[in-house]
């Protein structure tokens, strides 16, 4: 597999990036990111970088 993550962004920001590109409103973007983090059980790692 090839992962397309930005190493300088947090896990949360990596998830939010494509939503921001699609110009999703910030409130809706945060709601979707929270739901995705919960779905994959990574809430506690949201502010870490992928390499951590």
N, C-alpha and C. Protein backbone atom coordinates (compact mmCIF):
# COMPACT_ATOMS: atom_id res chain seq x y z
N UNK A 1 0.83 -1.18 0.00
CA UNK A 1 0.00 0.00 0.00
C UNK A 1 0.87 1.24 0.00
N UNK A 2 0.34 2.29 -0.55
CA UNK A 2 1.03 3.56 -0.55
C UNK A 2 0.15 4.56 0.19
N UNK A 3 0.68 5.09 1.26
CA UNK A 3 -0.08 6.04 2.05
C UNK A 3 0.20 7.46 1.57
N UNK A 4 -0.81 8.24 1.42
CA UNK A 4 -0.67 9.63 0.98
C UNK A 4 -0.96 10.54 2.15
N UNK A 5 -0.01 10.60 3.07
CA UNK A 5 -0.14 11.44 4.25
C UNK A 5 0.88 12.55 4.19
N UNK A 6 0.52 13.69 4.74
CA UNK A 6 1.46 14.79 4.88
C UNK A 6 2.14 14.64 6.23
N UNK A 7 3.45 14.35 6.26
CA UNK A 7 4.13 14.09 7.53
C UNK A 7 4.17 15.29 8.47
N UNK A 8 4.03 16.50 7.92
CA UNK A 8 4.09 17.71 8.75
C UNK A 8 2.72 18.10 9.33
N UNK A 9 1.66 17.39 8.94
CA UNK A 9 0.32 17.66 9.46
C UNK A 9 -0.08 16.62 10.48
N UNK A 10 -0.95 17.01 11.39
CA UNK A 10 -1.47 16.06 12.38
C UNK A 10 -2.42 15.07 11.70
N UNK A 11 -2.77 14.04 12.41
CA UNK A 11 -3.72 13.05 11.89
C UNK A 11 -5.03 13.77 11.54
N UNK A 12 -5.49 14.62 12.44
CA UNK A 12 -6.72 15.39 12.21
C UNK A 12 -6.62 16.23 10.94
N UNK A 13 -5.51 16.93 10.78
CA UNK A 13 -5.34 17.80 9.62
C UNK A 13 -5.22 17.00 8.32
N UNK A 14 -4.61 15.82 8.39
CA UNK A 14 -4.54 14.96 7.20
C UNK A 14 -5.93 14.51 6.77
N UNK A 15 -6.79 14.23 7.73
CA UNK A 15 -8.16 13.83 7.40
C UNK A 15 -8.95 15.02 6.85
N UNK A 16 -8.74 16.18 7.44
CA UNK A 16 -9.50 17.37 7.06
C UNK A 16 -9.05 17.98 5.73
N UNK A 17 -7.83 17.71 5.32
CA UNK A 17 -7.28 18.36 4.12
C UNK A 17 -8.16 18.21 2.88
N UNK A 18 -8.54 16.99 2.47
CA UNK A 18 -9.37 16.89 1.26
C UNK A 18 -10.74 17.55 1.42
N UNK A 19 -11.25 17.59 2.64
CA UNK A 19 -12.54 18.26 2.86
C UNK A 19 -12.39 19.77 2.70
N UNK A 20 -11.26 20.30 3.12
CA UNK A 20 -10.99 21.74 2.95
C UNK A 20 -10.82 22.08 1.48
N UNK A 21 -10.16 21.21 0.74
CA UNK A 21 -9.98 21.43 -0.70
C UNK A 21 -11.33 21.50 -1.40
N UNK A 22 -12.27 20.70 -0.92
CA UNK A 22 -13.63 20.70 -1.49
C UNK A 22 -14.47 21.86 -0.95
N UNK A 23 -13.84 22.73 -0.16
CA UNK A 23 -14.48 23.93 0.40
C UNK A 23 -15.68 23.62 1.29
N UNK A 24 -15.58 22.54 2.03
CA UNK A 24 -16.61 22.20 3.00
C UNK A 24 -16.53 23.21 4.15
N UNK A 25 -17.64 23.72 4.63
CA UNK A 25 -17.60 24.68 5.74
C UNK A 25 -16.89 24.08 6.96
N UNK A 26 -16.18 24.92 7.69
CA UNK A 26 -15.34 24.47 8.81
C UNK A 26 -16.12 23.66 9.84
N UNK A 27 -17.31 24.08 10.19
CA UNK A 27 -18.10 23.36 11.20
C UNK A 27 -18.45 21.96 10.72
N UNK A 28 -18.85 21.85 9.48
CA UNK A 28 -19.20 20.54 8.92
C UNK A 28 -17.95 19.67 8.77
N UNK A 29 -16.85 20.30 8.39
CA UNK A 29 -15.57 19.58 8.25
C UNK A 29 -15.15 18.98 9.59
N UNK A 30 -15.23 19.76 10.65
CA UNK A 30 -14.85 19.27 11.98
C UNK A 30 -15.75 18.12 12.43
N UNK A 31 -17.03 18.24 12.12
CA UNK A 31 -17.98 17.18 12.48
C UNK A 31 -17.63 15.88 11.76
N UNK A 32 -17.32 15.98 10.47
CA UNK A 32 -16.97 14.79 9.69
C UNK A 32 -15.64 14.19 10.16
N UNK A 33 -14.67 15.05 10.46
CA UNK A 33 -13.37 14.56 10.93
C UNK A 33 -13.55 13.83 12.26
N UNK A 34 -14.32 14.40 13.16
CA UNK A 34 -14.57 13.74 14.45
C UNK A 34 -15.22 12.37 14.24
N UNK A 35 -16.18 12.30 13.33
CA UNK A 35 -16.86 11.03 13.06
C UNK A 35 -15.89 10.00 12.48
N UNK A 36 -15.01 10.44 11.58
CA UNK A 36 -14.04 9.52 10.99
C UNK A 36 -13.03 9.03 12.02
N UNK A 37 -12.57 9.92 12.87
CA UNK A 37 -11.63 9.52 13.93
C UNK A 37 -12.28 8.51 14.86
N UNK A 38 -13.54 8.74 15.19
CA UNK A 38 -14.24 7.81 16.07
C UNK A 38 -14.44 6.45 15.39
N UNK A 39 -14.77 6.48 14.11
CA UNK A 39 -15.00 5.25 13.35
C UNK A 39 -13.78 4.33 13.37
N UNK A 40 -12.59 4.92 13.24
CA UNK A 40 -11.36 4.11 13.21
C UNK A 40 -10.65 4.09 14.57
N UNK A 41 -11.33 4.60 15.58
CA UNK A 41 -10.83 4.59 16.96
C UNK A 41 -9.45 5.25 17.11
N UNK A 42 -9.31 6.43 16.51
CA UNK A 42 -8.05 7.17 16.60
C UNK A 42 -8.23 8.54 17.27
N UNK A 43 -9.31 8.72 18.01
CA UNK A 43 -9.56 10.03 18.63
C UNK A 43 -8.39 10.50 19.47
N UNK A 44 -7.78 9.60 20.23
CA UNK A 44 -6.70 10.00 21.13
C UNK A 44 -5.41 10.35 20.39
N UNK A 45 -5.33 10.02 19.11
CA UNK A 45 -4.14 10.32 18.32
C UNK A 45 -4.35 11.47 17.35
N UNK A 46 -5.47 12.15 17.44
CA UNK A 46 -5.84 13.19 16.49
C UNK A 46 -4.80 14.29 16.34
N UNK A 47 -4.13 14.64 17.42
CA UNK A 47 -3.19 15.76 17.36
C UNK A 47 -1.75 15.32 17.15
N UNK A 48 -1.54 14.04 16.95
CA UNK A 48 -0.19 13.54 16.67
C UNK A 48 0.07 13.56 15.17
N UNK A 49 1.33 13.52 14.83
CA UNK A 49 1.71 13.41 13.42
C UNK A 49 1.76 11.94 13.05
N UNK A 50 1.65 11.62 11.76
CA UNK A 50 1.63 10.21 11.35
C UNK A 50 2.84 9.40 11.82
N UNK A 51 3.98 10.03 11.97
CA UNK A 51 5.19 9.30 12.35
C UNK A 51 5.28 9.04 13.85
N UNK A 52 4.38 9.59 14.64
CA UNK A 52 4.47 9.45 16.10
C UNK A 52 3.76 8.21 16.58
